[in-house]
């Protein structure tokens, strides 16, 4: 483990610019990986035709939906995926529109999150109040373990967490969803669209997004928390390295582990997994969320 003195020396010697680059091939590879996993999960479930395999496939698909709609779209909002800024907008049909999001809508909200972190102008702070985290003594066990499975995240996603709530986004989202839905209906495969896209989108994806939003900022000492679980970061393109991202948001996802080692190290707001995060959520009670 690094000593505080060694961490300071590494931080002083390192230059954030060393980690800032744009690699279109790596960005495209991340997008393709997620869609290939989704296709594989669907194919396997259809081939085996068993309810347990379907449930497993729904969770795999939901995890990849989260990887695309949160990790990949998040990177795109900072123009970290590709060398061309225009390409981030042109390819949003792969990581924004399928999840009822748009680049412009996500970008505006997320950049406000960075600028006004945990203030009234930050949507995360607003969401925390709706989750029940702003109470003097929030029931964290219920909020972390029970509430996600009450379909509250689904309700929140439909009422507060998608770009279709803004009429300005109705045209691109409407055209995309009508085209995709119409294609499945025309091919006589509407049931697969429902079972393998709509179900995970309205069940698994909102739960993962709910957990992620709470984990990243609630009850932290310096504003952000990182989750260093190797499994989580493999599945979500290093989404867990959140502290260093807030310090240097132009560092792309594939350089975040190295940047974390150089600029963050083993600080207090470091989680090693789901249960460790819950322990930290309970560790102290902030006066204000």
Protein backbone atom coordinates (compact mmCIF):
# COMPACT_ATOMS: atom_id res chain seq x y z
CA UNK A 1 0.00 0.00 0.00
CA UNK A 2 1.26 3.47 -0.83
CA UNK A 3 2.18 5.74 2.04
CA UNK A 4 0.70 9.28 2.10
CA UNK A 5 4.18 10.67 1.45
CA UNK A 6 4.63 8.47 -1.61
CA UNK A 7 1.17 9.41 -2.91
CA UNK A 8 2.05 13.09 -2.61
CA UNK A 9 5.32 12.58 -4.47
CA UNK A 10 3.60 10.65 -7.27
CA UNK A 11 0.90 13.33 -7.53
CA UNK A 12 3.52 16.08 -7.66
CA UNK A 13 5.56 14.28 -10.32
CA UNK A 14 2.63 13.28 -12.54
CA UNK A 15 1.03 15.60 -15.07
CA UNK A 16 -2.68 15.14 -15.89
CA UNK A 17 -1.93 15.89 -19.54
CA UNK A 18 -0.02 12.62 -19.71
CA UNK A 19 -3.32 10.75 -19.33
CA UNK A 20 -5.42 12.85 -21.71
CA UNK A 21 -5.79 11.38 -25.18
CA UNK A 22 -8.52 10.43 -27.61
CA UNK A 23 -8.51 7.00 -29.22
CA UNK A 24 -11.41 6.38 -31.57
CA UNK A 25 -10.63 2.68 -31.95
CA UNK A 26 -10.77 2.08 -28.19
CA UNK A 27 -14.02 4.02 -27.95
CA UNK A 28 -15.63 2.00 -30.73
CA UNK A 29 -14.33 -1.21 -29.19
CA UNK A 30 -16.06 -0.37 -25.90
CA UNK A 31 -19.37 0.28 -27.67
CA UNK A 32 -19.11 -2.89 -29.75
CA UNK A 33 -18.24 -5.04 -26.73
CA UNK A 34 -21.43 -4.06 -24.93
CA UNK A 35 -23.66 -4.66 -27.93
CA UNK A 36 -21.99 -8.02 -28.65
CA UNK A 37 -22.60 -9.15 -25.07
CA UNK A 38 -26.25 -8.10 -25.39
CA UNK A 39 -26.59 -10.01 -28.65
CA UNK A 40 -24.94 -13.06 -27.12
CA UNK A 41 -27.20 -13.02 -24.05
CA UNK A 42 -30.31 -12.78 -26.22
CA UNK A 43 -29.15 -15.55 -28.56
CA UNK A 44 -28.31 -17.91 -25.71
CA UNK A 45 -31.63 -17.33 -23.98
CA UNK A 46 -33.64 -17.90 -27.16
CA UNK A 47 -31.64 -21.05 -27.92
CA UNK A 48 -32.04 -22.62 -24.44
CA UNK A 49 -35.65 -21.48 -23.89
CA UNK A 50 -35.71 -21.66 -20.11
CA UNK A 51 -37.14 -19.04 -17.74
CA UNK A 52 -34.05 -19.07 -15.50
CA UNK A 53 -31.79 -18.39 -18.47
CA UNK A 54 -34.12 -15.60 -19.55
CA UNK A 55 -33.91 -13.95 -16.11
CA UNK A 56 -30.11 -14.24 -16.18
CA UNK A 57 -30.01 -12.80 -19.69
CA UNK A 58 -32.20 -9.88 -18.61
CA UNK A 59 -29.71 -9.00 -15.89
CA UNK A 60 -26.75 -9.33 -18.24
CA UNK A 61 -28.51 -7.09 -20.77
CA UNK A 62 -29.42 -4.60 -18.04
CA UNK A 63 -25.78 -4.41 -16.94
CA UNK A 64 -24.71 -3.72 -20.51
CA UNK A 65 -27.49 -1.15 -20.87
CA UNK A 66 -26.04 0.58 -17.82
CA UNK A 67 -22.54 0.35 -19.31
CA UNK A 68 -23.76 2.00 -22.50
CA UNK A 69 -26.22 4.54 -21.10
CA UNK A 70 -24.09 5.62 -18.16
CA UNK A 71 -20.43 4.75 -18.74
CA UNK A 72 -20.21 5.16 -22.53
CA UNK A 73 -22.68 8.05 -22.79
CA UNK A 74 -20.96 9.65 -19.83
CA UNK A 75 -17.63 9.48 -21.67
CA UNK A 76 -19.27 10.85 -24.79
CA UNK A 77 -20.66 13.82 -22.84
CA UNK A 78 -17.04 14.79 -22.07
CA UNK A 79 -15.94 14.04 -25.66
CA UNK A 80 -13.62 11.33 -24.36
CA UNK A 81 -14.67 8.48 -26.66
CA UNK A 82 -13.48 9.58 -30.10
CA UNK A 83 -11.05 12.03 -31.63
CA UNK A 84 -13.88 13.71 -33.53
CA UNK A 85 -16.34 15.69 -31.41
CA UNK A 86 -19.02 15.35 -34.09
CA UNK A 87 -18.78 11.57 -33.95
CA UNK A 88 -19.97 11.59 -30.34
CA UNK A 89 -23.27 13.11 -31.47
CA UNK A 90 -23.57 11.11 -34.69
CA UNK A 91 -23.28 7.77 -32.91
CA UNK A 92 -25.70 8.53 -30.07
CA UNK A 93 -28.15 6.07 -31.60
CA UNK A 94 -25.84 3.42 -30.08
CA UNK A 95 -25.60 4.70 -26.50
CA UNK A 96 -28.24 7.39 -25.92
CA UNK A 97 -31.44 7.05 -27.93
CA UNK A 98 -32.01 3.33 -27.06
CA UNK A 99 -32.21 4.38 -23.39
CA UNK A 100 -34.47 7.42 -23.89
CA UNK A 101 -31.48 9.76 -23.56
CA UNK A 102 -29.87 12.28 -25.90
CA UNK A 103 -26.34 13.61 -25.96
CA UNK A 104 -27.40 17.23 -25.51
CA UNK A 105 -29.75 16.51 -22.62
CA UNK A 106 -27.31 14.26 -20.77
CA UNK A 107 -24.43 16.63 -21.43
CA UNK A 108 -26.24 19.66 -20.03
CA UNK A 109 -27.28 17.84 -16.85
CA UNK A 110 -23.93 16.15 -16.31
CA UNK A 111 -21.80 19.24 -16.84
CA UNK A 112 -24.03 21.04 -14.32
CA UNK A 113 -23.35 18.15 -11.96
CA UNK A 114 -19.61 18.80 -12.26
CA UNK A 115 -19.95 22.56 -11.93
CA UNK A 116 -22.46 22.66 -9.07
CA UNK A 117 -21.63 19.39 -7.33
CA UNK A 118 -24.13 18.56 -4.56
CA UNK A 119 -25.80 21.97 -4.60
CA UNK A 120 -29.44 22.72 -5.42
CA UNK A 121 -28.42 23.13 -9.07
CA UNK A 122 -27.09 19.58 -9.22
CA UNK A 123 -29.65 16.93 -10.21
CA UNK A 124 -27.88 14.39 -7.97
CA UNK A 125 -28.67 16.49 -4.92
CA UNK A 126 -32.30 16.73 -6.03
CA UNK A 127 -32.44 12.96 -6.57
CA UNK A 128 -31.02 12.29 -3.11
CA UNK A 129 -33.91 14.17 -1.58
CA UNK A 130 -36.38 12.07 -3.56
CA UNK A 131 -34.56 8.88 -2.53
CA UNK A 132 -35.00 9.83 1.13
CA UNK A 133 -31.30 10.48 1.78
CA UNK A 134 -31.79 14.08 2.91
CA UNK A 135 -33.65 13.04 6.04
CA UNK A 136 -31.90 13.57 9.38
CA UNK A 137 -31.81 9.80 9.99
CA UNK A 138 -32.37 8.05 6.63
CA UNK A 139 -33.15 4.35 6.71
CA UNK A 140 -30.10 3.32 4.73
CA UNK A 141 -30.81 -0.40 4.92
CA UNK A 142 -34.19 0.14 3.27
CA UNK A 143 -32.84 2.65 0.74
CA UNK A 144 -29.87 0.46 -0.29
CA UNK A 145 -31.26 -3.09 -0.09
CA UNK A 146 -35.06 -2.93 -0.28
CA UNK A 147 -36.14 0.17 -2.18
CA UNK A 148 -34.37 -0.80 -5.43
CA UNK A 149 -36.66 -3.86 -5.70
CA UNK A 150 -39.91 -1.97 -5.09
CA UNK A 151 -39.80 -0.62 -8.66
CA UNK A 152 -39.08 2.82 -7.24
CA UNK A 153 -36.03 3.20 -9.57
CA UNK A 154 -38.29 2.40 -12.53
CA UNK A 155 -40.80 5.05 -11.45
CA UNK A 156 -37.99 7.57 -10.92
CA UNK A 157 -36.48 6.80 -14.35
CA UNK A 158 -39.82 7.30 -16.10
CA UNK A 159 -40.79 10.43 -14.13
CA UNK A 160 -37.43 12.16 -13.69
CA UNK A 161 -34.56 10.34 -15.41
CA UNK A 162 -35.05 10.34 -19.18
CA UNK A 163 -34.72 12.88 -21.97
CA UNK A 164 -38.23 12.23 -23.30
CA UNK A 165 -39.51 14.43 -20.47
CA UNK A 166 -38.33 17.41 -22.52
CA UNK A 167 -40.39 18.08 -25.65
CA UNK A 168 -37.26 19.28 -27.42
CA UNK A 169 -36.14 15.64 -27.55
CA UNK A 170 -39.37 14.14 -28.82
CA UNK A 171 -38.47 14.25 -32.52
CA UNK A 172 -35.17 12.30 -32.46
CA UNK A 173 -36.34 9.90 -29.76
CA UNK A 174 -39.75 9.43 -31.38
CA UNK A 175 -38.29 8.70 -34.80
CA UNK A 176 -35.77 6.25 -33.36
CA UNK A 177 -38.23 4.32 -31.20
CA UNK A 178 -40.92 4.23 -33.88
CA UNK A 179 -38.38 2.93 -36.41
CA UNK A 180 -37.00 0.23 -34.11
CA UNK A 181 -40.38 -0.80 -32.70
CA UNK A 182 -41.92 -0.78 -36.16
CA UNK A 183 -39.14 -3.02 -37.48
CA UNK A 184 -39.71 -5.64 -34.78
CA UNK A 185 -43.47 -5.54 -35.35
CA UNK A 186 -43.03 -5.86 -39.11
CA UNK A 187 -40.78 -8.89 -38.61
CA UNK A 188 -43.25 -10.44 -36.19
CA UNK A 189 -40.72 -10.31 -33.34
CA UNK A 190 -42.31 -7.73 -31.06
CA UNK A 191 -42.24 -10.19 -28.14
CA UNK A 192 -38.43 -10.32 -28.26
CA UNK A 193 -38.22 -6.54 -28.21
CA UNK A 194 -40.39 -6.54 -25.10
CA UNK A 195 -38.68 -9.45 -23.33
CA UNK A 196 -35.06 -8.59 -24.11
CA UNK A 197 -35.04 -4.82 -24.27
CA UNK A 198 -37.98 -3.20 -22.53
CA UNK A 199 -37.92 -5.51 -19.48
CA UNK A 200 -34.23 -4.94 -18.62
CA UNK A 201 -34.53 -1.25 -19.50
CA UNK A 202 -37.39 -0.75 -17.04
CA UNK A 203 -36.22 -3.22 -14.38
CA UNK A 204 -32.44 -3.76 -14.19
CA UNK A 205 -31.01 -0.58 -15.69
CA UNK A 206 -32.87 1.78 -13.28
CA UNK A 207 -31.72 -0.25 -10.26
CA UNK A 208 -28.07 -0.10 -11.31
CA UNK A 209 -28.34 3.61 -12.04
CA UNK A 210 -29.94 4.17 -8.62
CA UNK A 211 -27.16 2.33 -6.78
CA UNK A 212 -24.46 4.07 -8.80
CA UNK A 213 -25.80 7.56 -8.14
CA UNK A 214 -25.98 6.96 -4.39
CA UNK A 215 -22.55 5.34 -4.23
CA UNK A 216 -20.71 8.06 -6.09
CA UNK A 217 -21.42 11.00 -3.78
CA UNK A 218 -23.48 10.20 -0.71
CA UNK A 219 -21.72 10.58 2.66
CA UNK A 220 -18.25 11.26 1.29
CA UNK A 221 -15.46 13.26 2.86
CA UNK A 222 -14.25 15.00 -0.30
CA UNK A 223 -17.34 14.92 -2.52
CA UNK A 224 -16.87 11.71 -4.53
CA UNK A 225 -16.38 8.00 -3.91
CA UNK A 226 -14.52 5.48 -6.06
CA UNK A 227 -15.41 1.80 -6.29
CA UNK A 228 -12.29 -0.19 -7.15
CA UNK A 229 -14.01 -3.54 -7.66
CA UNK A 230 -12.31 -5.15 -10.65
CA UNK A 231 -15.52 -6.86 -11.77
CA UNK A 232 -17.55 -3.65 -11.68
CA UNK A 233 -14.93 -1.65 -13.53
CA UNK A 234 -14.46 -4.35 -16.15
CA UNK A 235 -18.19 -4.43 -16.83
CA UNK A 236 -18.67 -0.64 -16.79
CA UNK A 237 -15.55 0.69 -18.48
CA UNK A 238 -13.91 1.93 -15.24
CA UNK A 239 -17.00 3.83 -14.16
CA UNK A 240 -15.97 3.18 -10.57
CA UNK A 241 -12.96 5.51 -10.72
CA UNK A 242 -15.14 8.47 -9.92
CA UNK A 243 -12.94 10.64 -7.72
CA UNK A 244 -10.20 11.09 -10.28
CA UNK A 245 -12.84 11.66 -12.96
CA UNK A 246 -14.23 14.61 -11.04
CA UNK A 247 -10.76 16.05 -10.66
CA UNK A 248 -9.79 15.53 -14.30
CA UNK A 249 -12.93 14.88 -16.40
CA UNK A 250 -11.04 14.96 -19.71
CA UNK A 251 -9.10 11.79 -18.90
CA UNK A 252 -10.70 8.92 -20.90
CA UNK A 253 -12.02 5.80 -19.20
CA UNK A 254 -9.13 3.52 -20.18
CA UNK A 255 -6.59 5.78 -18.42
CA UNK A 256 -8.58 6.27 -15.21
CA UNK A 257 -6.92 3.42 -13.23
CA UNK A 258 -3.45 4.85 -13.89
CA UNK A 259 -4.64 8.38 -13.16
CA UNK A 260 -6.27 7.18 -9.95
CA UNK A 261 -2.98 5.65 -8.83
CA UNK A 262 -1.14 8.86 -9.64
CA UNK A 263 -3.54 11.44 -8.20
CA UNK A 264 -5.83 9.73 -5.70
CA UNK A 265 -4.31 6.60 -4.19
CA UNK A 266 -5.85 4.96 -1.13
CA UNK A 267 -7.89 7.79 0.31
CA UNK A 268 -10.89 7.49 2.65
CA UNK A 269 -13.68 7.41 0.06
CA UNK A 270 -12.59 4.18 -1.58
CA UNK A 271 -15.00 1.25 -1.83
CA UNK A 272 -14.04 -2.30 -2.73
CA UNK A 273 -17.53 -3.53 -3.54
CA UNK A 274 -21.27 -3.41 -2.94
CA UNK A 275 -21.26 -4.22 0.78
CA UNK A 276 -18.23 -2.03 1.44
CA UNK A 277 -20.12 0.88 -0.11
CA UNK A 278 -23.06 0.24 2.20
CA UNK A 279 -20.71 0.25 5.19
CA UNK A 280 -19.38 3.64 4.11
CA UNK A 281 -22.86 5.04 3.57
CA UNK A 282 -23.52 4.27 7.22
CA UNK A 283 -20.17 5.44 8.56
CA UNK A 284 -21.28 8.93 9.54
CA UNK A 285 -24.28 11.21 9.18
CA UNK A 286 -23.61 14.42 7.25
CA UNK A 287 -25.53 17.47 8.38
CA UNK A 288 -26.48 18.18 4.78
CA UNK A 289 -26.70 15.97 1.72
